Amino acid sequence: MLMQSKLVMAVVALAVSAGLGAFLLISGTEPTQQTAPDVAKTTTETVVPRVVELTLYLNDYGYNASRSGPTIRAFVGDTIRLRLVGNGSGPVVHDFVLDDKSPSPYSVKSERLRRGQVQVIEFTASFPGSFKYYCSVAPFAGPSHRDRGQEGVIEILQK
């Protein structure tokens, strides 16, 4: 009985397929693809600015326990948020500067931070390019912190 049911179902499926094929052959229609009307397509791409966050430890003559500093990368339009932590030894202070001496079109400067002090600075990456950030502390005698290697690179890329 089960075998007969399967056979009947197979015959019905074959008949339906044959009938559909015959209908298409007789009617002379072929399957067609629908195309969109010829209208100029406009796309509005919504670009959401990112927030680039980084913690920088301002240690003796470097950032983040290095003799220089990490490369900071962002895109034009991004917000750059830096959490600066004073981490120098003794009474030494350090800062973060990105200005015309970098040289750059930015004017960003933190306070001079002692060990344990924290400051968050934030600015918008408005100008593309590769610029150097640095510590501006310079003693009365001897090389400045920047001259001792306390500088890093910030790259602002076009989208």
N, C-alpha and C. Protein backbone atom coordinates (compact mmCIF):
# COMPACT_ATOMS: atom_id res chain seq x y z
N MET A 1 0.82 -1.19 0.00
CA MET A 1 0.00 0.00 0.00
C MET A 1 0.87 1.27 0.00
N LEU A 2 1.93 1.27 0.81
CA LEU A 2 2.85 2.40 0.88
C LEU A 2 3.53 2.62 -0.46
N MET A 3 3.90 1.54 -1.12
CA MET A 3 4.56 1.61 -2.41
C MET A 3 3.63 2.21 -3.46
N GLN A 4 2.34 1.87 -3.40
CA GLN A 4 1.38 2.40 -4.36
C GLN A 4 1.19 3.91 -4.14
N SER A 5 1.19 4.38 -2.88
CA SER A 5 1.03 5.81 -2.58
C SER A 5 2.19 6.61 -3.14
N LYS A 6 3.40 6.09 -2.98
CA LYS A 6 4.58 6.76 -3.51
C LYS A 6 4.53 6.83 -5.04
N LEU A 7 4.06 5.75 -5.64
CA LEU A 7 3.99 5.69 -7.09
C LEU A 7 2.96 6.70 -7.61
N VAL A 8 1.82 6.80 -6.92
CA VAL A 8 0.77 7.74 -7.33
C VAL A 8 1.29 9.17 -7.19
N MET A 9 1.98 9.46 -6.10
CA MET A 9 2.51 10.82 -5.89
C MET A 9 3.55 11.17 -6.95
N ALA A 10 4.37 10.23 -7.35
CA ALA A 10 5.39 10.47 -8.38
C ALA A 10 4.73 10.75 -9.72
N VAL A 11 3.67 9.99 -10.03
CA VAL A 11 2.97 10.18 -11.30
C VAL A 11 2.30 11.55 -11.32
N VAL A 12 1.69 11.96 -10.20
CA VAL A 12 1.03 13.27 -10.12
C VAL A 12 2.06 14.37 -10.30
N ALA A 13 3.21 14.28 -9.64
CA ALA A 13 4.26 15.30 -9.76
C ALA A 13 4.75 15.39 -11.19
N LEU A 14 4.90 14.25 -11.85
CA LEU A 14 5.36 14.22 -13.24
C LEU A 14 4.32 14.88 -14.14
N ALA A 15 3.05 14.61 -13.90
CA ALA A 15 1.98 15.17 -14.72
C ALA A 15 1.90 16.68 -14.55
N VAL A 16 2.06 17.16 -13.33
CA VAL A 16 2.01 18.61 -13.08
C VAL A 16 3.17 19.29 -13.80
N SER A 17 4.36 18.70 -13.71
CA SER A 17 5.55 19.28 -14.37
C SER A 17 5.37 19.30 -15.87
N ALA A 18 4.84 18.19 -16.42
CA ALA A 18 4.63 18.12 -17.86
C ALA A 18 3.58 19.13 -18.30
N GLY A 19 2.54 19.29 -17.52
CA GLY A 19 1.48 20.24 -17.86
C GLY A 19 2.00 21.68 -17.86
N LEU A 20 2.80 22.02 -16.90
CA LEU A 20 3.37 23.36 -16.82
C LEU A 20 4.29 23.62 -18.02
N GLY A 21 5.11 22.62 -18.36
CA GLY A 21 6.00 22.74 -19.51
C GLY A 21 5.22 22.92 -20.80
N ALA A 22 4.14 22.15 -20.95
CA ALA A 22 3.32 22.26 -22.17
C ALA A 22 2.66 23.62 -22.24
N PHE A 23 2.18 24.14 -21.10
CA PHE A 23 1.54 25.45 -21.08
C PHE A 23 2.51 26.54 -21.54
N LEU A 24 3.73 26.49 -21.02
CA LEU A 24 4.73 27.49 -21.41
C LEU A 24 5.09 27.36 -22.89
N LEU A 25 5.17 26.16 -23.38
CA LEU A 25 5.50 25.92 -24.78
C LEU A 25 4.40 26.44 -25.70
N ILE A 26 3.17 26.19 -25.33
CA ILE A 26 2.02 26.61 -26.16
C ILE A 26 1.86 28.12 -26.10
N SER A 27 1.98 28.71 -24.92
CA SER A 27 1.73 30.13 -24.79
C SER A 27 2.86 30.97 -25.37
N GLY A 28 4.03 30.35 -25.60
CA GLY A 28 5.15 31.06 -26.20
C GLY A 28 5.80 32.06 -25.27
N THR A 29 5.50 32.01 -24.02
CA THR A 29 6.12 32.96 -23.09
C THR A 29 7.35 32.34 -22.47
N GLU A 30 8.26 33.17 -22.25
CA GLU A 30 9.47 32.73 -21.57
C GLU A 30 9.56 33.47 -20.25
N PRO A 31 10.17 32.84 -19.29
CA PRO A 31 10.36 33.57 -18.03
C PRO A 31 11.20 34.82 -18.30
N THR A 32 10.81 35.92 -17.73
CA THR A 32 11.55 37.17 -17.92
C THR A 32 12.03 37.68 -16.57
N GLN A 33 13.06 38.49 -16.66
CA GLN A 33 13.55 39.15 -15.46
C GLN A 33 12.99 40.55 -15.45
N GLN A 34 12.52 40.95 -14.31
CA GLN A 34 12.02 42.31 -14.19
C GLN A 34 13.19 43.23 -13.89
N THR A 35 13.18 44.36 -14.57
CA THR A 35 14.24 45.32 -14.31
C THR A 35 13.64 46.58 -13.71
N ALA A 36 14.43 47.26 -12.97
CA ALA A 36 13.97 48.50 -12.34
C ALA A 36 13.81 49.57 -13.41
N PRO A 37 12.88 50.47 -13.22
CA PRO A 37 12.72 51.55 -14.18
C PRO A 37 14.02 52.35 -14.30
N ASP A 38 14.20 52.99 -15.43
CA ASP A 38 15.42 53.74 -15.69
C ASP A 38 15.36 55.08 -14.96
N VAL A 39 15.61 55.05 -13.69
CA VAL A 39 15.55 56.25 -12.87
C VAL A 39 16.93 56.44 -12.25
N ALA A 40 17.39 57.66 -12.19
CA ALA A 40 18.70 57.92 -11.57
C ALA A 40 18.63 57.52 -10.10
N LYS A 41 19.57 56.70 -9.71
CA LYS A 41 19.57 56.21 -8.33
C LYS A 41 20.43 57.14 -7.49
N THR A 42 19.90 57.52 -6.37
CA THR A 42 20.68 58.32 -5.43
C THR A 42 20.79 57.53 -4.14
N THR A 43 21.97 57.55 -3.61
CA THR A 43 22.16 56.88 -2.32
C THR A 43 22.65 57.91 -1.34
N THR A 44 22.10 57.85 -0.18
CA THR A 44 22.59 58.72 0.89
C THR A 44 23.25 57.81 1.91
N GLU A 45 24.52 57.97 1.98
CA GLU A 45 25.30 57.15 2.90
C GLU A 45 25.43 57.91 4.21
N THR A 46 24.90 57.33 5.25
CA THR A 46 25.00 57.95 6.55
C THR A 46 26.30 57.49 7.21
N VAL A 47 27.16 58.44 7.44
CA VAL A 47 28.44 58.12 8.07
C VAL A 47 28.37 58.60 9.51
N VAL A 48 28.50 57.66 10.40
CA VAL A 48 28.46 58.00 11.82
C VAL A 48 29.89 58.19 12.30
N PRO A 49 30.20 59.38 12.80
CA PRO A 49 31.56 59.59 13.30
C PRO A 49 31.85 58.64 14.46
N ARG A 50 33.07 58.19 14.49
CA ARG A 50 33.50 57.30 15.56
C ARG A 50 34.12 58.12 16.69
N VAL A 51 34.23 57.49 17.83
CA VAL A 51 34.99 58.06 18.93
C VAL A 51 36.20 57.15 19.12
N VAL A 52 37.36 57.73 18.92
CA VAL A 52 38.62 57.00 19.10
C VAL A 52 39.11 57.32 20.50
N GLU A 53 39.15 56.30 21.36
CA GLU A 53 39.55 56.51 22.75
C GLU A 53 40.87 55.81 23.03
N LEU A 54 41.71 56.49 23.79
CA LEU A 54 43.01 55.94 24.11
C LEU A 54 43.47 56.51 25.45
N THR A 55 44.11 55.68 26.24
CA THR A 55 44.73 56.15 27.48
C THR A 55 46.22 56.28 27.23
N LEU A 56 46.75 57.44 27.55
CA LEU A 56 48.18 57.68 27.44
C LEU A 56 48.75 57.91 28.83
N TYR A 57 49.75 57.12 29.18
CA TYR A 57 50.47 57.32 30.44
C TYR A 57 51.65 58.20 30.12
N LEU A 58 51.72 59.37 30.76
CA LEU A 58 52.78 60.33 30.51
C LEU A 58 53.93 60.01 31.46
N ASN A 59 54.82 59.16 31.00
CA ASN A 59 55.94 58.75 31.84
C ASN A 59 57.20 59.51 31.46
N ASP A 60 58.27 59.24 32.14
CA ASP A 60 59.52 59.96 31.91
C ASP A 60 60.01 59.80 30.49
N TYR A 61 59.87 60.88 29.74
CA TYR A 61 60.38 61.02 28.38
C TYR A 61 59.75 60.05 27.38
N GLY A 62 58.50 59.72 27.60
CA GLY A 62 57.78 58.89 26.66
C GLY A 62 56.32 58.78 27.05
N TYR A 63 55.59 58.02 26.27
CA TYR A 63 54.18 57.76 26.54
C TYR A 63 53.99 56.24 26.55
N ASN A 64 53.21 55.75 27.49
CA ASN A 64 52.88 54.33 27.60
C ASN A 64 54.13 53.45 27.69
N ALA A 65 55.03 53.85 28.57
CA ALA A 65 56.24 53.08 28.88
C ALA A 65 57.12 52.84 27.67
N SER A 66 57.14 53.80 26.76
CA SER A 66 58.03 53.70 25.61
C SER A 66 58.82 55.00 25.53
N ARG A 67 59.84 55.00 24.72
CA ARG A 67 60.65 56.21 24.55
C ARG A 67 59.96 57.22 23.63
N SER A 68 58.91 56.82 22.99
CA SER A 68 58.17 57.72 22.11
C SER A 68 56.71 57.67 22.54
N GLY A 69 55.84 57.28 21.67
CA GLY A 69 54.42 57.13 21.99
C GLY A 69 53.74 56.32 20.92
N PRO A 70 52.57 55.78 21.22
CA PRO A 70 51.86 54.98 20.22
C PRO A 70 51.34 55.86 19.08
N THR A 71 51.20 55.26 17.92
CA THR A 71 50.59 55.96 16.79
C THR A 71 49.07 55.96 17.00
N ILE A 72 48.50 57.12 16.93
CA ILE A 72 47.05 57.28 17.08
C ILE A 72 46.49 57.46 15.68
N ARG A 73 45.51 56.63 15.31
CA ARG A 73 44.91 56.71 13.97
C ARG A 73 43.42 57.00 14.09
N ALA A 74 42.96 57.93 13.26
CA ALA A 74 41.54 58.28 13.22
C ALA A 74 41.22 58.75 11.81
N PHE A 75 39.94 58.92 11.54
CA PHE A 75 39.47 59.43 10.26
C PHE A 75 38.94 60.85 10.45
N VAL A 76 38.99 61.62 9.38
CA VAL A 76 38.42 62.96 9.42
C VAL A 76 36.97 62.85 9.88
N GLY A 77 36.60 63.67 10.83
CA GLY A 77 35.24 63.65 11.38
C GLY A 77 35.13 62.89 12.68
N ASP A 78 36.10 62.02 12.98
CA ASP A 78 36.07 61.27 14.23
C ASP A 78 36.35 62.18 15.41
N THR A 79 35.87 61.78 16.57
CA THR A 79 36.22 62.45 17.81
C THR A 79 37.35 61.67 18.45
N ILE A 80 38.38 62.37 18.86
CA ILE A 80 39.51 61.72 19.54
C ILE A 80 39.41 62.10 21.01
N ARG A 81 39.33 61.07 21.83
CA ARG A 81 39.23 61.27 23.28
C ARG A 81 40.43 60.61 23.93
N LEU A 82 41.26 61.41 24.56
CA LEU A 82 42.47 60.91 25.21
C LEU A 82 42.36 61.06 26.71
N ARG A 83 42.59 59.97 27.40
CA ARG A 83 42.65 59.98 28.87
C ARG A 83 44.14 60.00 29.21
N LEU A 84 44.58 61.10 29.76
CA LEU A 84 45.99 61.29 30.07
C LEU A 84 46.21 61.02 31.55
N VAL A 85 47.21 60.22 31.85
CA VAL A 85 47.51 59.86 33.24
C VAL A 85 48.96 60.23 33.51
N GLY A 86 49.18 61.13 34.47
CA GLY A 86 50.54 61.49 34.87
C GLY A 86 51.22 60.27 35.48
N ASN A 87 52.38 59.93 34.98
CA ASN A 87 53.06 58.71 35.44
C ASN A 87 54.57 58.94 35.56
N GLY A 88 54.97 60.20 35.68
CA GLY A 88 56.40 60.49 35.80
C GLY A 88 56.90 60.20 37.20
N SER A 89 58.20 60.12 37.31
CA SER A 89 58.79 59.86 38.63
C SER A 89 59.06 61.18 39.34
N GLY A 90 58.99 61.16 40.66
CA GLY A 90 59.29 62.34 41.46
C GLY A 90 58.39 63.51 41.12
N PRO A 91 58.95 64.71 41.14
CA PRO A 91 58.14 65.91 40.88
C PRO A 91 58.00 66.23 39.39
N VAL A 92 58.48 65.35 38.51
CA VAL A 92 58.45 65.62 37.07
C VAL A 92 57.01 65.66 36.57
N VAL A 93 56.73 66.66 35.72
CA VAL A 93 55.40 66.80 35.10
C VAL A 93 55.55 66.58 33.59
N HIS A 94 54.43 66.20 32.97
CA HIS A 94 54.40 65.98 31.52
C HIS A 94 53.07 66.48 30.99
N ASP A 95 53.03 66.73 29.68
CA ASP A 95 51.78 67.14 29.05
C ASP A 95 51.65 66.51 27.66
N PHE A 96 50.55 66.83 27.01
CA PHE A 96 50.27 66.37 25.64
C PHE A 96 49.99 67.62 24.83
N VAL A 97 50.74 67.79 23.74
CA VAL A 97 50.57 68.97 22.89
C VAL A 97 50.52 68.55 21.43
N LEU A 98 49.56 69.13 20.72
CA LEU A 98 49.43 68.96 19.27
C LEU A 98 49.12 70.36 18.74
N ASP A 99 50.13 71.03 18.17
CA ASP A 99 49.96 72.44 17.79
C ASP A 99 50.80 72.78 16.56
N ASP A 100 50.97 74.07 16.34
CA ASP A 100 51.73 74.51 15.16
C ASP A 100 53.20 74.11 15.21
N LYS A 101 53.71 73.76 16.37
CA LYS A 101 55.09 73.29 16.47
C LYS A 101 55.20 71.79 16.18
N SER A 102 54.07 71.14 15.94
CA SER A 102 54.06 69.70 15.66
C SER A 102 54.66 69.36 14.31
N PRO A 103 54.56 70.04 13.26
CA PRO A 103 53.59 71.09 12.96
C PRO A 103 52.24 70.50 12.58
N SER A 104 51.19 71.18 13.00
CA SER A 104 49.83 70.74 12.66
C SER A 104 48.88 71.92 12.70
N PRO A 105 47.70 71.77 12.11
CA PRO A 105 46.69 72.84 12.17
C PRO A 105 45.88 72.80 13.47
N TYR A 106 46.17 71.85 14.34
CA TYR A 106 45.43 71.71 15.59
C TYR A 106 46.03 72.59 16.68
N SER A 107 45.23 72.85 17.69
CA SER A 107 45.70 73.59 18.85
C SER A 107 45.15 72.87 20.09
N VAL A 108 45.83 71.78 20.45
CA VAL A 108 45.39 70.94 21.56
C VAL A 108 46.51 70.88 22.58
N LYS A 109 46.19 71.19 23.81
CA LYS A 109 47.21 71.15 24.87
C LYS A 109 46.55 70.75 26.18
N SER A 110 47.19 69.81 26.87
CA SER A 110 46.69 69.40 28.18
C SER A 110 47.38 70.22 29.26
N GLU A 111 46.93 70.02 30.47
CA GLU A 111 47.63 70.58 31.63
C GLU A 111 48.91 69.77 31.84
N ARG A 112 49.80 70.30 32.63
CA ARG A 112 50.99 69.53 33.01
C ARG A 112 50.60 68.67 34.20
N LEU A 113 50.76 67.36 34.02
CA LEU A 113 50.26 66.41 35.01
C LEU A 113 51.39 65.78 35.81
N ARG A 114 51.18 65.71 37.11
CA ARG A 114 52.10 64.99 38.01
C ARG A 114 51.61 63.55 38.12
N ARG A 115 52.43 62.72 38.70
CA ARG A 115 52.09 61.31 38.89
C ARG A 115 50.72 61.17 39.58
N GLY A 116 49.84 60.39 38.96
CA GLY A 116 48.51 60.13 39.52
C GLY A 116 47.43 61.09 39.07
N GLN A 117 47.79 62.22 38.51
CA GLN A 117 46.77 63.16 38.02
C GLN A 117 46.23 62.67 36.68
N VAL A 118 44.94 62.92 36.45
CA VAL A 118 44.28 62.46 35.23
C VAL A 118 43.55 63.63 34.58
N GLN A 119 43.60 63.68 33.26
CA GLN A 119 42.85 64.67 32.50
C GLN A 119 42.36 64.00 31.22
N VAL A 120 41.13 64.30 30.82
CA VAL A 120 40.58 63.81 29.56
C VAL A 120 40.49 65.00 28.62
N ILE A 121 41.09 64.86 27.44
CA ILE A 121 40.97 65.90 26.43
C ILE A 121 40.28 65.28 25.21
N GLU A 122 39.55 66.12 24.50
CA GLU A 122 38.77 65.62 23.37
C GLU A 122 38.80 66.68 22.27
N PHE A 123 38.96 66.22 21.04
CA PHE A 123 38.91 67.14 19.91
C PHE A 123 38.44 66.37 18.68
N THR A 124 38.01 67.12 17.67
CA THR A 124 37.52 66.52 16.43
C THR A 124 38.65 66.48 15.42
N ALA A 125 38.79 65.34 14.77
CA ALA A 125 39.80 65.18 13.73
C ALA A 125 39.27 65.87 12.47
N SER A 126 39.65 67.12 12.28
CA SER A 126 39.11 67.92 11.18
C SER A 126 40.03 68.01 9.98
N PHE A 127 41.32 67.81 10.20
CA PHE A 127 42.31 68.00 9.14
C PHE A 127 43.09 66.72 8.92
N PRO A 128 43.15 66.24 7.66
CA PRO A 128 43.92 65.02 7.39
C PRO A 128 45.42 65.30 7.41
N GLY A 129 46.17 64.26 7.71
CA GLY A 129 47.62 64.38 7.68
C GLY A 129 48.26 63.56 8.79
N SER A 130 49.57 63.62 8.83
CA SER A 130 50.35 62.93 9.85
C SER A 130 51.08 64.01 10.66
N PHE A 131 50.84 64.02 11.95
CA PHE A 131 51.39 65.06 12.82
C PHE A 131 52.04 64.43 14.04
N LYS A 132 52.93 65.18 14.67
CA LYS A 132 53.58 64.68 15.89
C LYS A 132 52.97 65.36 17.11
N TYR A 133 52.61 64.55 18.09
CA TYR A 133 52.23 65.10 19.39
C TYR A 133 53.46 64.96 20.27
N TYR A 134 53.54 65.79 21.32
CA TYR A 134 54.76 65.79 22.12
C TYR A 134 54.52 66.36 23.51
N CYS A 135 55.52 66.22 24.37
CA CYS A 135 55.53 66.84 25.69
C CYS A 135 56.30 68.15 25.55
N SER A 136 55.70 69.24 26.00
CA SER A 136 56.32 70.56 25.81
C SER A 136 57.20 70.99 26.98
N VAL A 137 57.33 70.16 27.99
CA VAL A 137 58.12 70.54 29.16
C VAL A 137 59.59 70.65 28.77
N ALA A 138 60.19 71.77 29.16
CA ALA A 138 61.61 72.00 28.87
C ALA A 138 62.25 72.64 30.10
N PRO A 139 63.25 72.00 30.65
CA PRO A 139 63.93 72.60 31.81
C PRO A 139 64.74 73.82 31.41
N PHE A 140 65.18 74.58 32.40
CA PHE A 140 66.00 75.76 32.12
C PHE A 140 67.30 75.37 31.45
N ALA A 141 67.84 74.24 31.84
CA ALA A 141 69.09 73.77 31.25
C ALA A 141 68.89 72.34 30.77
N GLY A 142 69.51 72.00 29.68
CA GLY A 142 69.42 70.63 29.17
C GLY A 142 68.33 70.48 28.14
N PRO A 143 68.24 69.29 27.57
CA PRO A 143 67.26 69.05 26.50
C PRO A 143 65.82 68.99 27.04
N SER A 144 64.90 69.35 26.15
CA SER A 144 63.47 69.29 26.50
C SER A 144 63.03 67.83 26.52
N HIS A 145 61.83 67.60 27.03
CA HIS A 145 61.29 66.24 27.03
C HIS A 145 61.12 65.74 25.59
N ARG A 146 60.70 66.63 24.72
CA ARG A 146 60.55 66.25 23.30
C ARG A 146 61.90 65.88 22.70
N ASP A 147 62.92 66.66 23.01
CA ASP A 147 64.26 66.35 22.52
C ASP A 147 64.76 65.01 23.05
N ARG A 148 64.25 64.61 24.20
CA ARG A 148 64.63 63.32 24.79
C ARG A 148 63.78 62.16 24.23
N GLY A 149 62.89 62.48 23.31
CA GLY A 149 62.12 61.42 22.64
C GLY A 149 60.66 61.31 23.01
N GLN A 150 60.15 62.25 23.82
CA GLN A 150 58.75 62.16 24.24
C GLN A 150 57.85 62.80 23.19
N GLU A 151 57.64 62.04 22.10
CA GLU A 151 56.72 62.44 21.06
C GLU A 151 56.20 61.19 20.33
N GLY A 152 55.04 61.32 19.76
CA GLY A 152 54.44 60.23 18.99
C GLY A 152 53.77 60.81 17.75
N VAL A 153 53.10 59.95 17.00
CA VAL A 153 52.48 60.36 15.74
C VAL A 153 50.97 60.15 15.81
N ILE A 154 50.26 61.12 15.28
CA ILE A 154 48.81 60.99 15.11
C ILE A 154 48.53 61.11 13.62
N GLU A 155 47.82 60.11 13.08
CA GLU A 155 47.48 60.09 11.65
C GLU A 155 45.98 60.27 11.50
N ILE A 156 45.61 61.29 10.75
CA ILE A 156 44.21 61.54 10.46
C ILE A 156 44.01 61.22 8.98
N LEU A 157 43.22 60.21 8.71
CA LEU A 157 43.03 59.69 7.36
C LEU A 157 41.72 60.17 6.74
N GLN A 158 41.70 60.32 5.42
CA GLN A 158 40.46 60.62 4.71
C GLN A 158 39.60 59.37 4.70
N LYS A 159 38.30 59.53 4.70
CA LYS A 159 37.39 58.38 4.64
C LYS A 159 37.28 57.90 3.23
